[in-house]
Amino acid sequence: MKNIFLFLLLASFQMGAQPFSRKVITGAAQMDAYLPLLQNKKVALLVNQTSVVGDTHLVDTLLSAGIEIVKYLRLNMDSGGQQMPGRR
């Protein structure tokens, strides 16, 4: 038991010591990976105000790419006075 605890303790120090050298890319920004899978499909989304690609909300981005969004649920109750995505 002591050996397992020691191993986990040392492993946690090792993980924290490594610098984070790569830029984080959100899933929404990796459209080339999933856009072909969404073509000719009905899509439902679970999003919030941070679901953006660049400066455009994911819902608007997918609509402009020709993806058929049949439903979406926006999780944040306060849009901060901003226009709802998908409504132009």
N, C-alpha and C. Protein backbone atom coordinates (compact mmCIF):
# COMPACT_ATOMS: atom_id res chain seq x y z
N MET A 1 0.83 -1.19 0.00
CA MET A 1 0.00 0.00 0.00
C MET A 1 0.87 1.26 0.00
N LYS A 2 1.96 1.22 0.80
CA LYS A 2 2.87 2.36 0.83
C LYS A 2 3.50 2.59 -0.53
N ASN A 3 3.83 1.49 -1.21
CA ASN A 3 4.46 1.62 -2.52
C ASN A 3 3.52 2.27 -3.54
N ILE A 4 2.26 1.91 -3.49
CA ILE A 4 1.28 2.48 -4.41
C ILE A 4 1.13 3.98 -4.14
N PHE A 5 1.02 4.33 -2.86
CA PHE A 5 0.88 5.73 -2.50
C PHE A 5 2.11 6.54 -2.94
N LEU A 6 3.29 6.00 -2.72
CA LEU A 6 4.52 6.68 -3.12
C LEU A 6 4.58 6.85 -4.63
N PHE A 7 4.20 5.80 -5.36
CA PHE A 7 4.19 5.87 -6.81
C PHE A 7 3.24 6.97 -7.30
N LEU A 8 2.02 7.01 -6.74
CA LEU A 8 1.05 8.03 -7.14
C LEU A 8 1.52 9.43 -6.79
N LEU A 9 2.15 9.57 -5.65
CA LEU A 9 2.67 10.87 -5.24
C LEU A 9 3.76 11.34 -6.20
N LEU A 10 4.69 10.48 -6.52
CA LEU A 10 5.77 10.83 -7.45
C LEU A 10 5.24 11.09 -8.85
N ALA A 11 4.28 10.30 -9.28
CA ALA A 11 3.69 10.49 -10.60
C ALA A 11 2.98 11.83 -10.69
N SER A 12 2.30 12.25 -9.64
CA SER A 12 1.60 13.53 -9.66
C SER A 12 2.59 14.69 -9.74
N PHE A 13 3.72 14.58 -9.06
CA PHE A 13 4.75 15.62 -9.16
C PHE A 13 5.32 15.68 -10.57
N GLN A 14 5.53 14.52 -11.15
CA GLN A 14 6.10 14.46 -12.50
C GLN A 14 5.15 15.07 -13.52
N MET A 15 3.86 14.80 -13.40
CA MET A 15 2.89 15.35 -14.34
C MET A 15 2.81 16.86 -14.22
N GLY A 16 2.89 17.38 -13.01
CA GLY A 16 2.81 18.81 -12.81
C GLY A 16 4.06 19.54 -13.26
N ALA A 17 5.18 18.85 -13.40
CA ALA A 17 6.44 19.50 -13.74
C ALA A 17 6.59 19.72 -15.25
N GLN A 18 5.79 19.04 -16.05
CA GLN A 18 5.94 19.15 -17.49
C GLN A 18 5.22 20.40 -17.99
N PRO A 19 5.92 21.22 -18.79
CA PRO A 19 5.26 22.42 -19.32
C PRO A 19 4.24 22.05 -20.39
N PHE A 20 3.22 22.86 -20.50
CA PHE A 20 2.19 22.65 -21.52
C PHE A 20 2.62 23.43 -22.74
N SER A 21 3.08 22.72 -23.76
CA SER A 21 3.70 23.40 -24.89
C SER A 21 2.80 23.52 -26.12
N ARG A 22 1.67 22.84 -26.14
CA ARG A 22 0.81 22.89 -27.32
C ARG A 22 -0.37 23.80 -27.09
N LYS A 23 -0.83 24.44 -28.16
CA LYS A 23 -2.00 25.29 -28.09
C LYS A 23 -3.25 24.41 -28.02
N VAL A 24 -4.18 24.77 -27.18
CA VAL A 24 -5.43 24.02 -27.04
C VAL A 24 -6.36 24.40 -28.20
N ILE A 25 -6.86 23.40 -28.90
CA ILE A 25 -7.81 23.60 -29.99
C ILE A 25 -9.10 22.90 -29.59
N THR A 26 -10.18 23.65 -29.52
CA THR A 26 -11.45 23.06 -29.11
C THR A 26 -11.99 22.14 -30.20
N GLY A 27 -12.89 21.27 -29.81
CA GLY A 27 -13.52 20.37 -30.78
C GLY A 27 -14.32 21.14 -31.82
N ALA A 28 -14.94 22.24 -31.39
CA ALA A 28 -15.73 23.04 -32.32
C ALA A 28 -14.86 23.62 -33.43
N ALA A 29 -13.61 23.88 -33.13
CA ALA A 29 -12.71 24.48 -34.12
C ALA A 29 -12.07 23.45 -35.05
N GLN A 30 -12.33 22.18 -34.84
CA GLN A 30 -11.75 21.12 -35.67
C GLN A 30 -12.80 20.59 -36.65
N MET A 31 -13.40 21.50 -37.37
CA MET A 31 -14.51 21.14 -38.26
C MET A 31 -14.10 20.16 -39.35
N ASP A 32 -12.87 20.23 -39.81
CA ASP A 32 -12.44 19.33 -40.88
C ASP A 32 -12.49 17.88 -40.44
N ALA A 33 -12.43 17.62 -39.13
CA ALA A 33 -12.47 16.26 -38.61
C ALA A 33 -13.89 15.70 -38.55
N TYR A 34 -14.87 16.56 -38.23
CA TYR A 34 -16.23 16.03 -38.04
C TYR A 34 -17.26 16.52 -39.04
N LEU A 35 -16.98 17.55 -39.79
CA LEU A 35 -17.97 18.07 -40.74
C LEU A 35 -18.42 17.03 -41.77
N PRO A 36 -17.52 16.23 -42.33
CA PRO A 36 -17.97 15.19 -43.27
C PRO A 36 -18.92 14.17 -42.63
N LEU A 37 -18.79 13.95 -41.33
CA LEU A 37 -19.66 12.99 -40.64
C LEU A 37 -21.07 13.55 -40.44
N LEU A 38 -21.20 14.88 -40.48
CA LEU A 38 -22.50 15.51 -40.24
C LEU A 38 -23.28 15.80 -41.51
N GLN A 39 -22.62 15.71 -42.66
CA GLN A 39 -23.30 15.97 -43.93
C GLN A 39 -24.46 15.00 -44.12
N ASN A 40 -25.60 15.51 -44.58
CA ASN A 40 -26.81 14.73 -44.86
C ASN A 40 -27.36 14.02 -43.62
N LYS A 41 -27.12 14.60 -42.44
CA LYS A 41 -27.66 14.05 -41.20
C LYS A 41 -28.44 15.14 -40.48
N LYS A 42 -29.39 14.74 -39.65
CA LYS A 42 -30.09 15.66 -38.78
C LYS A 42 -29.29 15.74 -37.48
N VAL A 43 -29.01 16.96 -37.02
CA VAL A 43 -28.10 17.16 -35.91
C VAL A 43 -28.81 17.87 -34.77
N ALA A 44 -28.56 17.43 -33.54
CA ALA A 44 -28.99 18.13 -32.34
C ALA A 44 -27.73 18.51 -31.57
N LEU A 45 -27.75 19.70 -30.96
CA LEU A 45 -26.58 20.21 -30.26
C LEU A 45 -26.92 20.59 -28.83
N LEU A 46 -25.98 20.40 -27.94
CA LEU A 46 -26.04 20.87 -26.56
C LEU A 46 -24.90 21.88 -26.44
N VAL A 47 -25.23 23.18 -26.33
CA VAL A 47 -24.22 24.23 -26.40
C VAL A 47 -24.39 25.23 -25.27
N ASN A 48 -23.36 26.07 -25.10
CA ASN A 48 -23.48 27.25 -24.24
C ASN A 48 -22.80 28.41 -24.96
N GLN A 49 -22.63 29.54 -24.28
CA GLN A 49 -22.10 30.72 -24.94
C GLN A 49 -20.64 30.57 -25.35
N THR A 50 -19.94 29.57 -24.84
CA THR A 50 -18.53 29.38 -25.21
C THR A 50 -18.38 28.43 -26.39
N SER A 51 -19.46 27.94 -26.96
CA SER A 51 -19.40 27.04 -28.12
C SER A 51 -19.21 27.88 -29.38
N VAL A 52 -17.98 28.32 -29.58
CA VAL A 52 -17.69 29.22 -30.69
C VAL A 52 -16.58 28.67 -31.57
N VAL A 53 -16.63 29.07 -32.83
CA VAL A 53 -15.56 28.81 -33.79
C VAL A 53 -15.09 30.18 -34.23
N GLY A 54 -13.92 30.58 -33.77
CA GLY A 54 -13.46 31.95 -34.01
C GLY A 54 -14.34 32.91 -33.24
N ASP A 55 -15.04 33.79 -33.95
CA ASP A 55 -15.96 34.74 -33.31
C ASP A 55 -17.42 34.40 -33.57
N THR A 56 -17.68 33.23 -34.16
CA THR A 56 -19.04 32.85 -34.54
C THR A 56 -19.49 31.65 -33.71
N HIS A 57 -20.73 31.68 -33.25
CA HIS A 57 -21.26 30.57 -32.46
C HIS A 57 -21.32 29.31 -33.31
N LEU A 58 -21.14 28.16 -32.68
CA LEU A 58 -21.13 26.88 -33.38
C LEU A 58 -22.41 26.64 -34.17
N VAL A 59 -23.55 27.03 -33.61
CA VAL A 59 -24.83 26.83 -34.32
C VAL A 59 -24.82 27.59 -35.64
N ASP A 60 -24.40 28.85 -35.62
CA ASP A 60 -24.35 29.65 -36.84
C ASP A 60 -23.32 29.11 -37.82
N THR A 61 -22.20 28.64 -37.30
CA THR A 61 -21.15 28.08 -38.16
C THR A 61 -21.64 26.84 -38.90
N LEU A 62 -22.31 25.94 -38.18
CA LEU A 62 -22.82 24.73 -38.81
C LEU A 62 -23.95 25.03 -39.80
N LEU A 63 -24.82 25.97 -39.45
CA LEU A 63 -25.89 26.35 -40.38
C LEU A 63 -25.31 26.91 -41.67
N SER A 64 -24.28 27.74 -41.57
CA SER A 64 -23.67 28.31 -42.78
C SER A 64 -22.91 27.26 -43.59
N ALA A 65 -22.54 26.15 -42.95
CA ALA A 65 -21.88 25.05 -43.67
C ALA A 65 -22.89 24.08 -44.28
N GLY A 66 -24.20 24.37 -44.11
CA GLY A 66 -25.23 23.53 -44.71
C GLY A 66 -25.65 22.34 -43.87
N ILE A 67 -25.29 22.33 -42.60
CA ILE A 67 -25.68 21.23 -41.70
C ILE A 67 -27.11 21.49 -41.21
N GLU A 68 -27.93 20.44 -41.23
CA GLU A 68 -29.32 20.56 -40.78
C GLU A 68 -29.39 20.36 -39.27
N ILE A 69 -29.62 21.45 -38.56
CA ILE A 69 -29.76 21.40 -37.10
C ILE A 69 -31.25 21.36 -36.79
N VAL A 70 -31.69 20.25 -36.22
CA VAL A 70 -33.12 20.10 -35.93
C VAL A 70 -33.47 20.58 -34.53
N LYS A 71 -32.52 20.49 -33.60
CA LYS A 71 -32.74 20.95 -32.23
C LYS A 71 -31.41 21.39 -31.65
N TYR A 72 -31.48 22.39 -30.77
CA TYR A 72 -30.32 22.69 -29.95
C TYR A 72 -30.77 23.20 -28.60
N LEU A 73 -30.01 22.85 -27.60
CA LEU A 73 -30.29 23.25 -26.23
C LEU A 73 -29.14 24.13 -25.77
N ARG A 74 -29.47 25.35 -25.38
CA ARG A 74 -28.47 26.30 -24.90
C ARG A 74 -28.52 26.28 -23.38
N LEU A 75 -27.39 25.97 -22.75
CA LEU A 75 -27.36 25.74 -21.31
C LEU A 75 -27.34 26.98 -20.44
N ASN A 76 -26.89 28.10 -20.93
CA ASN A 76 -26.81 29.29 -20.10
C ASN A 76 -28.13 30.03 -20.16
N MET A 77 -28.67 30.40 -19.00
CA MET A 77 -29.95 31.08 -18.96
C MET A 77 -29.83 32.55 -19.35
N ASP A 78 -28.65 33.14 -19.17
CA ASP A 78 -28.46 34.56 -19.45
C ASP A 78 -27.56 34.71 -20.67
N SER A 79 -28.09 35.26 -21.74
CA SER A 79 -27.29 35.43 -22.95
C SER A 79 -26.54 36.75 -22.92
N GLY A 80 -26.66 37.53 -21.85
CA GLY A 80 -25.94 38.78 -21.73
C GLY A 80 -26.38 39.82 -22.75
N GLY A 81 -27.61 39.71 -23.23
CA GLY A 81 -28.11 40.65 -24.21
C GLY A 81 -27.66 40.36 -25.63
N GLN A 82 -26.94 39.26 -25.81
CA GLN A 82 -26.47 38.92 -27.14
C GLN A 82 -27.56 38.22 -27.93
N GLN A 83 -27.45 38.31 -29.25
CA GLN A 83 -28.42 37.64 -30.12
C GLN A 83 -28.26 36.13 -30.00
N MET A 84 -29.37 35.43 -29.95
CA MET A 84 -29.34 33.98 -29.88
C MET A 84 -28.74 33.41 -31.15
N PRO A 85 -27.92 32.36 -31.05
CA PRO A 85 -27.38 31.75 -32.26
C PRO A 85 -28.49 31.14 -33.10
N GLY A 86 -28.31 31.16 -34.41
CA GLY A 86 -29.29 30.56 -35.30
C GLY A 86 -30.44 31.49 -35.65
N ARG A 87 -30.48 32.67 -35.05
CA ARG A 87 -31.54 33.64 -35.32
C ARG A 87 -30.91 34.87 -35.94
N ARG A 88 -31.20 35.10 -37.18
CA ARG A 88 -30.58 36.22 -37.90
C ARG A 88 -31.60 37.27 -38.22
